[in-house]
C-alpha atoms as a PDB file:
ATOM      1  CA  UNK A   1      27.220 -37.254  69.062  1.00  0.00           C
ATOM      2  CA  UNK A   2      24.387 -37.936  66.663  1.00  0.00           C
ATOM      3  CA  UNK A   3      21.832 -35.120  66.366  1.00  0.00           C
ATOM      4  CA  UNK A   4      18.279 -36.287  65.813  1.00  0.00           C
ATOM      5  CA  UNK A   5      16.535 -34.990  62.724  1.00  0.00           C
ATOM      6  CA  UNK A   6      13.247 -33.219  63.512  1.00  0.00           C
ATOM      7  CA  UNK A   7      10.173 -34.948  62.127  1.00  0.00           C
ATOM      8  CA  UNK A   8       8.685 -33.577  58.938  1.00  0.00           C
ATOM      9  CA  UNK A   9       5.688 -32.150  60.812  1.00  0.00           C
ATOM     10  CA  UNK A  10       7.982 -30.125  63.084  1.00  0.00           C
ATOM     11  CA  UNK A  11       9.924 -28.775  60.112  1.00  0.00           C
ATOM     12  CA  UNK A  12       6.687 -27.783  58.407  1.00  0.00           C
ATOM     13  CA  UNK A  13       5.481 -25.988  61.514  1.00  0.00           C
ATOM     14  CA  UNK A  14       8.794 -24.139  61.767  1.00  0.00           C
ATOM     15  CA  UNK A  15       8.573 -23.073  58.127  1.00  0.00           C
ATOM     16  CA  UNK A  16       5.039 -21.792  58.631  1.00  0.00           C
ATOM     17  CA  UNK A  17       6.071 -19.825  61.706  1.00  0.00           C
ATOM     18  CA  UNK A  18       8.994 -18.333  59.819  1.00  0.00           C
ATOM     19  CA  UNK A  19       6.799 -17.367  56.877  1.00  0.00           C
ATOM     20  CA  UNK A  20       4.268 -15.785  59.233  1.00  0.00           C
ATOM     21  CA  UNK A  21       6.984 -13.701  60.891  1.00  0.00           C
ATOM     22  CA  UNK A  22       8.290 -12.518  57.531  1.00  0.00           C
ATOM     23  CA  UNK A  23       4.801 -11.644  56.295  1.00  0.00           C
ATOM     24  CA  UNK A  24       4.334  -9.188  59.161  1.00  0.00           C
ATOM     25  CA  UNK A  25       6.739  -6.755  57.467  1.00  0.00           C
ATOM     26  CA  UNK A  26       6.998  -5.427  53.913  1.00  0.00           C
ATOM     27  CA  UNK A  27       9.478  -6.774  51.389  1.00  0.00           C
ATOM     28  CA  UNK A  28      12.005  -4.027  52.204  1.00  0.00           C
ATOM     29  CA  UNK A  29      12.511  -1.748  55.213  1.00  0.00           C
ATOM     30  CA  UNK A  30      10.768   1.628  55.344  1.00  0.00           C
ATOM     31  CA  UNK A  31      12.278   4.334  57.555  1.00  0.00           C
ATOM     32  CA  UNK A  32      10.015   6.950  59.164  1.00  0.00           C
ATOM     33  CA  UNK A  33      11.562  10.417  59.586  1.00  0.00           C
ATOM     34  CA  UNK A  34      10.036  13.684  60.721  1.00  0.00           C
ATOM     35  CA  UNK A  35      11.794  17.071  60.781  1.00  0.00           C
ATOM     36  CA  UNK A  36      15.539  17.342  60.146  1.00  0.00           C
ATOM     37  CA  UNK A  37      17.511  20.348  61.344  1.00  0.00           C
ATOM     38  CA  UNK A  38      14.368  22.406  62.017  1.00  0.00           C
ATOM     39  CA  UNK A  39      15.357  25.238  64.400  1.00  0.00           C
ATOM     40  CA  UNK A  40      11.924  25.764  65.952  1.00  0.00           C
ATOM     41  CA  UNK A  41      11.019  22.142  66.648  1.00  0.00           C
ATOM     42  CA  UNK A  42      12.304  20.141  69.610  1.00  0.00           C
ATOM     43  CA  UNK A  43      10.428  16.854  69.348  1.00  0.00           C
ATOM     44  CA  UNK A  44      12.373  13.695  70.107  1.00  0.00           C
ATOM     45  CA  UNK A  45      11.320  12.538  66.645  1.00  0.00           C
ATOM     46  CA  UNK A  46      13.300  15.324  64.974  1.00  0.00           C
ATOM     47  CA  UNK A  47      16.930  14.833  63.928  1.00  0.00           C
ATOM     48  CA  UNK A  48      19.767  17.288  63.677  1.00  0.00           C
ATOM     49  CA  UNK A  49      21.159  17.770  60.172  1.00  0.00           C
ATOM     50  CA  UNK A  50      24.516  16.132  61.094  1.00  0.00           C
ATOM     51  CA  UNK A  51      22.703  13.058  62.486  1.00  0.00           C
ATOM     52  CA  UNK A  52      20.705  12.730  59.282  1.00  0.00           C
ATOM     53  CA  UNK A  53      23.746  13.133  57.046  1.00  0.00           C
ATOM     54  CA  UNK A  54      25.638  10.471  59.017  1.00  0.00           C
ATOM     55  CA  UNK A  55      22.755   8.061  58.550  1.00  0.00           C
ATOM     56  CA  UNK A  56      22.591   8.690  54.808  1.00  0.00           C
ATOM     57  CA  UNK A  57      26.359   8.239  54.491  1.00  0.00           C
ATOM     58  CA  UNK A  58      26.154   4.991  56.439  1.00  0.00           C
ATOM     59  CA  UNK A  59      23.315   3.699  54.241  1.00  0.00           C
ATOM     60  CA  UNK A  60      25.256   4.528  51.089  1.00  0.00           C
ATOM     61  CA  UNK A  61      28.486   3.053  52.458  1.00  0.00           C
ATOM     62  CA  UNK A  62      26.740  -0.155  53.508  1.00  0.00           C
ATOM     63  CA  UNK A  63      25.383  -0.623  49.986  1.00  0.00           C
ATOM     64  CA  UNK A  64      21.745   0.309  50.550  1.00  0.00           C
ATOM     65  CA  UNK A  65      19.849   1.956  47.699  1.00  0.00           C
ATOM     66  CA  UNK A  66      16.614   3.903  48.086  1.00  0.00           C
ATOM     67  CA  UNK A  67      13.242   2.675  46.875  1.00  0.00           C
ATOM     68  CA  UNK A  68       9.833   4.144  46.174  1.00  0.00           C
ATOM     69  CA  UNK A  69       6.911   2.726  48.122  1.00  0.00           C
ATOM     70  CA  UNK A  70       5.559   1.333  44.860  1.00  0.00           C
ATOM     71  CA  UNK A  71       8.778  -0.630  44.421  1.00  0.00           C
ATOM     72  CA  UNK A  72       8.464  -2.020  47.951  1.00  0.00           C
ATOM     73  CA  UNK A  73       4.874  -3.128  47.381  1.00  0.00           C
ATOM     74  CA  UNK A  74       5.581  -4.552  43.931  1.00  0.00           C
ATOM     75  CA  UNK A  75       8.824  -6.186  45.148  1.00  0.00           C
ATOM     76  CA  UNK A  76      10.982  -4.483  42.531  1.00  0.00           C
ATOM     77  CA  UNK A  77      14.696  -3.988  43.286  1.00  0.00           C
ATOM     78  CA  UNK A  78      14.015  -4.735  46.957  1.00  0.00           C
ATOM     79  CA  UNK A  79      17.270  -6.614  47.602  1.00  0.00           C
ATOM     80  CA  UNK A  80      19.464  -4.150  49.461  1.00  0.00           C
ATOM     81  CA  UNK A  81      16.792  -1.479  49.142  1.00  0.00           C
ATOM     82  CA  UNK A  82      15.281   0.849  51.739  1.00  0.00           C
ATOM     83  CA  UNK A  83      12.458   3.398  51.466  1.00  0.00           C
ATOM     84  CA  UNK A  84      12.848   6.789  53.177  1.00  0.00           C
ATOM     85  CA  UNK A  85       9.652   8.541  54.274  1.00  0.00           C
ATOM     86  CA  UNK A  86       9.233  11.990  55.853  1.00  0.00           C
ATOM     87  CA  UNK A  87       6.098  13.039  57.715  1.00  0.00           C
ATOM     88  CA  UNK A  88       4.390  16.427  58.146  1.00  0.00           C
ATOM     89  CA  UNK A  89       5.773  18.573  55.301  1.00  0.00           C
ATOM     90  CA  UNK A  90       7.891  20.892  57.431  1.00  0.00           C
ATOM     91  CA  UNK A  91      10.026  23.478  55.626  1.00  0.00           C
ATOM     92  CA  UNK A  92      13.278  21.621  56.292  1.00  0.00           C
ATOM     93  CA  UNK A  93      12.180  19.065  53.687  1.00  0.00           C
ATOM     94  CA  UNK A  94      13.227  21.527  50.998  1.00  0.00           C
ATOM     95  CA  UNK A  95      15.982  23.343  52.876  1.00  0.00           C
ATOM     96  CA  UNK A  96      17.842  20.395  54.467  1.00  0.00           C
ATOM     97  CA  UNK A  97      16.496  17.004  53.429  1.00  0.00           C
ATOM     98  CA  UNK A  98      16.270  17.439  49.654  1.00  0.00           C
ATOM     99  CA  UNK A  99      19.864  18.698  49.207  1.00  0.00           C
ATOM    100  CA  UNK A 100      21.165  15.839  51.359  1.00  0.00           C
ATOM    101  CA  UNK A 101      19.260  13.269  49.307  1.00  0.00           C
ATOM    102  CA  UNK A 102      20.218  14.760  45.944  1.00  0.00           C
ATOM    103  CA  UNK A 103      23.878  14.874  46.950  1.00  0.00           C
ATOM    104  CA  UNK A 104      23.806  11.095  47.378  1.00  0.00           C
ATOM    105  CA  UNK A 105      21.486  10.243  44.506  1.00  0.00           C
ATOM    106  CA  UNK A 106      18.725   9.162  46.895  1.00  0.00           C
ATOM    107  CA  UNK A 107      14.957   9.539  46.796  1.00  0.00           C
ATOM    108  CA  UNK A 108      12.236   9.806  49.415  1.00  0.00           C
ATOM    109  CA  UNK A 109       8.506  10.129  49.985  1.00  0.00           C
ATOM    110  CA  UNK A 110       7.141  13.230  51.726  1.00  0.00           C
ATOM    111  CA  UNK A 111       3.745  13.120  53.454  1.00  0.00           C
ATOM    112  CA  UNK A 112       2.136  16.556  53.655  1.00  0.00           C
ATOM    113  CA  UNK A 113      -0.399  17.911  56.165  1.00  0.00           C
ATOM    114  CA  UNK A 114      -2.358  19.976  53.671  1.00  0.00           C
ATOM    115  CA  UNK A 115      -3.938  22.259  56.278  1.00  0.00           C
ATOM    116  CA  UNK A 116      -0.476  23.433  57.362  1.00  0.00           C
ATOM    117  CA  UNK A 117       0.936  24.178  53.917  1.00  0.00           C
ATOM    118  CA  UNK A 118       1.958  27.829  53.783  1.00  0.00           C
ATOM    119  CA  UNK A 119       1.969  28.318  57.568  1.00  0.00           C
ATOM    120  CA  UNK A 120       5.173  29.193  59.493  1.00  0.00           C
ATOM    121  CA  UNK A 121       7.588  26.270  59.658  1.00  0.00           C
ATOM    122  CA  UNK A 122       5.923  24.315  56.854  1.00  0.00           C
ATOM    123  CA  UNK A 123       6.289  24.039  53.096  1.00  0.00           C
ATOM    124  CA  UNK A 124       4.480  26.304  50.675  1.00  0.00           C
ATOM    125  CA  UNK A 125       2.712  24.767  47.702  1.00  0.00           C
ATOM    126  CA  UNK A 126       5.614  25.919  45.534  1.00  0.00           C
ATOM    127  CA  UNK A 127       7.881  23.997  47.900  1.00  0.00           C
ATOM    128  CA  UNK A 128       5.767  20.846  47.643  1.00  0.00           C
ATOM    129  CA  UNK A 129       5.898  21.076  43.847  1.00  0.00           C
ATOM    130  CA  UNK A 130       9.660  21.656  43.992  1.00  0.00           C
ATOM    131  CA  UNK A 131      10.119  18.408  45.921  1.00  0.00           C
ATOM    132  CA  UNK A 132       8.148  16.510  43.313  1.00  0.00           C
ATOM    133  CA  UNK A 133       9.988  18.183  40.438  1.00  0.00           C
ATOM    134  CA  UNK A 134      13.244  17.008  42.045  1.00  0.00           C
ATOM    135  CA  UNK A 135      12.058  13.398  41.805  1.00  0.00           C
ATOM    136  CA  UNK A 136      10.554  12.950  45.260  1.00  0.00           C
ATOM    137  CA  UNK A 137       7.141  11.355  45.850  1.00  0.00           C
ATOM    138  CA  UNK A 138       4.352  13.259  47.604  1.00  0.00           C
ATOM    139  CA  UNK A 139       1.637  11.720  49.748  1.00  0.00           C
ATOM    140  CA  UNK A 140      -1.121  12.749  52.136  1.00  0.00           C
ATOM    141  CA  UNK A 141      -0.831  13.118  55.907  1.00  0.00           C
ATOM    142  CA  UNK A 142      -4.485  14.293  56.125  1.00  0.00           C
ATOM    143  CA  UNK A 143      -5.736  17.881  56.430  1.00  0.00           C
ATOM    144  CA  UNK A 144      -5.287  18.572  60.155  1.00  0.00           C
ATOM    145  CA  UNK A 145      -3.232  15.573  61.419  1.00  0.00           C
ATOM    146  CA  UNK A 146      -5.828  14.114  63.815  1.00  0.00           C
ATOM    147  CA  UNK A 147      -5.845  10.642  65.309  1.00  0.00           C
ATOM    148  CA  UNK A 148      -8.217   9.154  62.756  1.00  0.00           C
ATOM    149  CA  UNK A 149      -9.538   6.319  64.987  1.00  0.00           C
ATOM    150  CA  UNK A 150     -10.756   8.932  67.482  1.00  0.00           C
ATOM    151  CA  UNK A 151     -12.957  10.696  64.910  1.00  0.00           C
ATOM    152  CA  UNK A 152     -16.499   9.874  63.785  1.00  0.00           C
ATOM    153  CA  UNK A 153     -16.456   7.928  60.549  1.00  0.00           C
ATOM    154  CA  UNK A 154     -17.594  10.817  58.363  1.00  0.00           C
ATOM    155  CA  UNK A 155     -15.045  13.218  59.792  1.00  0.00           C
ATOM    156  CA  UNK A 156     -12.212  10.724  59.423  1.00  0.00           C
ATOM    157  CA  UNK A 157     -13.195  10.070  55.805  1.00  0.00           C
ATOM    158  CA  UNK A 158     -13.322  13.817  55.123  1.00  0.00           C
ATOM    159  CA  UNK A 159      -9.757  14.218  56.435  1.00  0.00           C
ATOM    160  CA  UNK A 160      -8.598  11.580  53.971  1.00  0.00           C
ATOM    161  CA  UNK A 161     -10.665  12.685  50.983  1.00  0.00           C
ATOM    162  CA  UNK A 162     -10.113  16.430  51.291  1.00  0.00           C
ATOM    163  CA  UNK A 163      -6.355  16.123  51.733  1.00  0.00           C
ATOM    164  CA  UNK A 164      -6.130  13.862  48.706  1.00  0.00           C
ATOM    165  CA  UNK A 165      -8.287  16.211  46.632  1.00  0.00           C
ATOM    166  CA  UNK A 166      -6.205  19.243  47.611  1.00  0.00           C
ATOM    167  CA  UNK A 167      -2.926  17.539  46.745  1.00  0.00           C
ATOM    168  CA  UNK A 168      -4.257  16.335  43.408  1.00  0.00           C
ATOM    169  CA  UNK A 169      -5.531  19.791  42.546  1.00  0.00           C
ATOM    170  CA  UNK A 170      -2.220  21.416  43.413  1.00  0.00           C
ATOM    171  CA  UNK A 171      -0.019  18.796  41.737  1.00  0.00           C
ATOM    172  CA  UNK A 172      -2.190  17.977  38.740  1.00  0.00           C
ATOM    173  CA  UNK A 173      -2.207  14.191  39.040  1.00  0.00           C
ATOM    174  CA  UNK A 174      -3.586  11.389  41.262  1.00  0.00           C
ATOM    175  CA  UNK A 175      -2.096  11.101  44.762  1.00  0.00           C
ATOM    176  CA  UNK A 176      -2.432   7.567  46.150  1.00  0.00           C
ATOM    177  CA  UNK A 177       0.043   7.516  49.049  1.00  0.00           C
ATOM    178  CA  UNK A 178      -0.950   8.049  52.695  1.00  0.00           C
ATOM    179  CA  UNK A 179       0.729   8.150  56.094  1.00  0.00           C
ATOM    180  CA  UNK A 180      -1.651   7.730  59.031  1.00  0.00           C
ATOM    181  CA  UNK A 181      -1.174  10.579  61.552  1.00  0.00           C
ATOM    182  CA  UNK A 182       0.634   9.367  64.682  1.00  0.00           C
ATOM    183  CA  UNK A 183       0.807   5.992  62.874  1.00  0.00           C
ATOM    184  CA  UNK A 184      -2.578   5.427  64.543  1.00  0.00           C
ATOM    185  CA  UNK A 185      -5.218   3.227  62.935  1.00  0.00           C
ATOM    186  CA  UNK A 186      -7.864   0.578  63.382  1.00  0.00           C
ATOM    187  CA  UNK A 187      -9.386  -1.809  60.881  1.00  0.00           C
ATOM    188  CA  UNK A 188     -12.045   0.741  59.959  1.00  0.00           C
ATOM    189  CA  UNK A 189      -9.303   3.336  59.307  1.00  0.00           C
ATOM    190  CA  UNK A 190      -7.779   1.083  56.671  1.00  0.00           C
ATOM    191  CA  UNK A 191     -11.210   0.623  55.096  1.00  0.00           C
ATOM    192  CA  UNK A 192     -11.668   4.398  54.976  1.00  0.00           C
ATOM    193  CA  UNK A 193      -8.266   4.866  53.350  1.00  0.00           C
ATOM    194  CA  UNK A 194      -9.241   2.388  50.663  1.00  0.00           C
ATOM    195  CA  UNK A 195     -12.628   4.085  50.218  1.00  0.00           C
ATOM    196  CA  UNK A 196     -10.904   7.461  49.844  1.00  0.00           C
ATOM    197  CA  UNK A 197      -8.847   6.081  46.964  1.00  0.00           C
ATOM    198  CA  UNK A 198      -5.433   5.490  48.510  1.00  0.00           C
ATOM    199  CA  UNK A 199      -3.460   2.591  47.096  1.00  0.00           C
ATOM    200  CA  UNK A 200      -0.535   2.493  49.540  1.00  0.00           C
ATOM    201  CA  UNK A 201      -0.458   3.609  53.184  1.00  0.00           C
ATOM    202  CA  UNK A 202       2.207   3.440  55.873  1.00  0.00           C
ATOM    203  CA  UNK A 203       1.897   2.872  59.612  1.00  0.00           C
ATOM    204  CA  UNK A 204       4.248   2.282  62.559  1.00  0.00           C
ATOM    205  CA  UNK A 205       5.471  -0.630  64.678  1.00  0.00           C
ATOM    206  CA  UNK A 206       2.221  -0.989  66.646  1.00  0.00           C
ATOM    207  CA  UNK A 207      -0.047  -1.501  63.620  1.00  0.00           C
ATOM    208  CA  UNK A 208       2.236  -1.978  60.621  1.00  0.00           C
ATOM    209  CA  UNK A 209       2.237  -5.172  58.577  1.00  0.00           C
ATOM    210  CA  UNK A 210       3.100  -6.257  55.042  1.00  0.00           C
ATOM    211  CA  UNK A 211      -0.340  -5.150  53.829  1.00  0.00           C
ATOM    212  CA  UNK A 212      -0.096  -2.344  51.258  1.00  0.00           C
ATOM    213  CA  UNK A 213      -2.556  -0.189  53.236  1.00  0.00           C
ATOM    214  CA  UNK A 214      -0.741  -0.534  56.564  1.00  0.00           C
ATOM    215  CA  UNK A 215       2.945  -0.963  55.754  1.00  0.00           C
ATOM    216  CA  UNK A 216       5.281  -1.330  58.725  1.00  0.00           C
ATOM    217  CA  UNK A 217       7.751   1.532  59.179  1.00  0.00           C
ATOM    218  CA  UNK A 218      10.813   1.810  61.414  1.00  0.00           C
ATOM    219  CA  UNK A 219      10.689   5.064  63.410  1.00  0.00           C
ATOM    220  CA  UNK A 220      13.915   7.083  63.293  1.00  0.00           C
ATOM    221  CA  UNK A 221      14.288   9.311  66.336  1.00  0.00           C
ATOM    222  CA  UNK A 222      16.919  11.631  67.705  1.00  0.00           C
ATOM    223  CA  UNK A 223      19.835   9.699  69.163  1.00  0.00           C
ATOM    224  CA  UNK A 224      19.236   6.547  67.114  1.00  0.00           C
ATOM    225  CA  UNK A 225      22.732   5.190  66.603  1.00  0.00           C
ATOM    226  CA  UNK A 226      24.020   3.576  63.453  1.00  0.00           C
ATOM    227  CA  UNK A 227      24.313   0.221  65.232  1.00  0.00           C
ATOM    228  CA  UNK A 228      20.624   0.342  66.109  1.00  0.00           C
ATOM    229  CA  UNK A 229      19.715   1.262  62.550  1.00  0.00           C
ATOM    230  CA  UNK A 230      21.854  -1.581  61.218  1.00  0.00           C
ATOM    231  CA  UNK A 231      20.158  -4.039  63.595  1.00  0.00           C
ATOM    232  CA  UNK A 232      16.718  -2.931  62.404  1.00  0.00           C
ATOM    233  CA  UNK A 233      17.636  -3.224  58.734  1.00  0.00           C
ATOM    234  CA  UNK A 234      19.201  -6.666  59.211  1.00  0.00           C
ATOM    235  CA  UNK A 235      15.755  -8.054  60.016  1.00  0.00           C
ATOM    236  CA  UNK A 236      14.898  -7.859  56.311  1.00  0.00           C
END
C-alpha cells in the first residue's frame, strides 16, 4: 500500500508545533525536591532518605549527570544532564542531602527562606555556607515564603530584594537564583524578579516554561516511583 506524502505546508506546521512544544520546557530537566528524611515534617512533598537515595542511584545508573541552573540556561553539557533543586533550606539539606550527593559526585541548588534561617528545623547561616563550600549553589526562596502574586507590588518586591540582600551579605557574593514560593507567579512576578536583580528563576508545572526567569521544574513527591521519574525525564 502506498502511503501519501504530506504536503510541504503540513510538514512545516508539524515542525512548528513540535518546536513550540519543546520551547515550553528548558533544555534539560530540573527536579524540584523539598525536605528529605526530616523527622518533624510530614508533607507529601517530603521524601524519606531511602526514597531519595534510590532515586539518586537510579539517575547515576541510567547515565544522568547533574547540572547547575546556569548550565541548563546556557545549554552547556545538557545532553543526559539533570538539575537537582531543593526548596526551603530545611536542616536535612546538610544532614541528609549533601552527604548523599557528595557520595555520588552530584551537585544541587538549594533555595533558602532567609527569614527561617536559624529557626528549629532549618539551616543556620553556617550551614548555608557549608553547603556552598561543598560545591552546592545557593538561591533565594524569599524572606517569609509568601505567595508573591497575592501581595501588593511593593511588598512582593521587598520579599525578593531583602532575601537577595541578606544572602549576598552572608555569603559575600552576588546571588542571582530564585525559586518562587509555592511555584506561584504571574507576569508581574517575573518582572519583579528581574527588577530585584535575579538572573535565573524556577517555577512549577503550572507556570514553568523555557524562559530563564520561569524555568519549568518537575515536582518530586513522596511515593514517586522510578518509572514515573523515568517517564518525566524521557520528555527531554
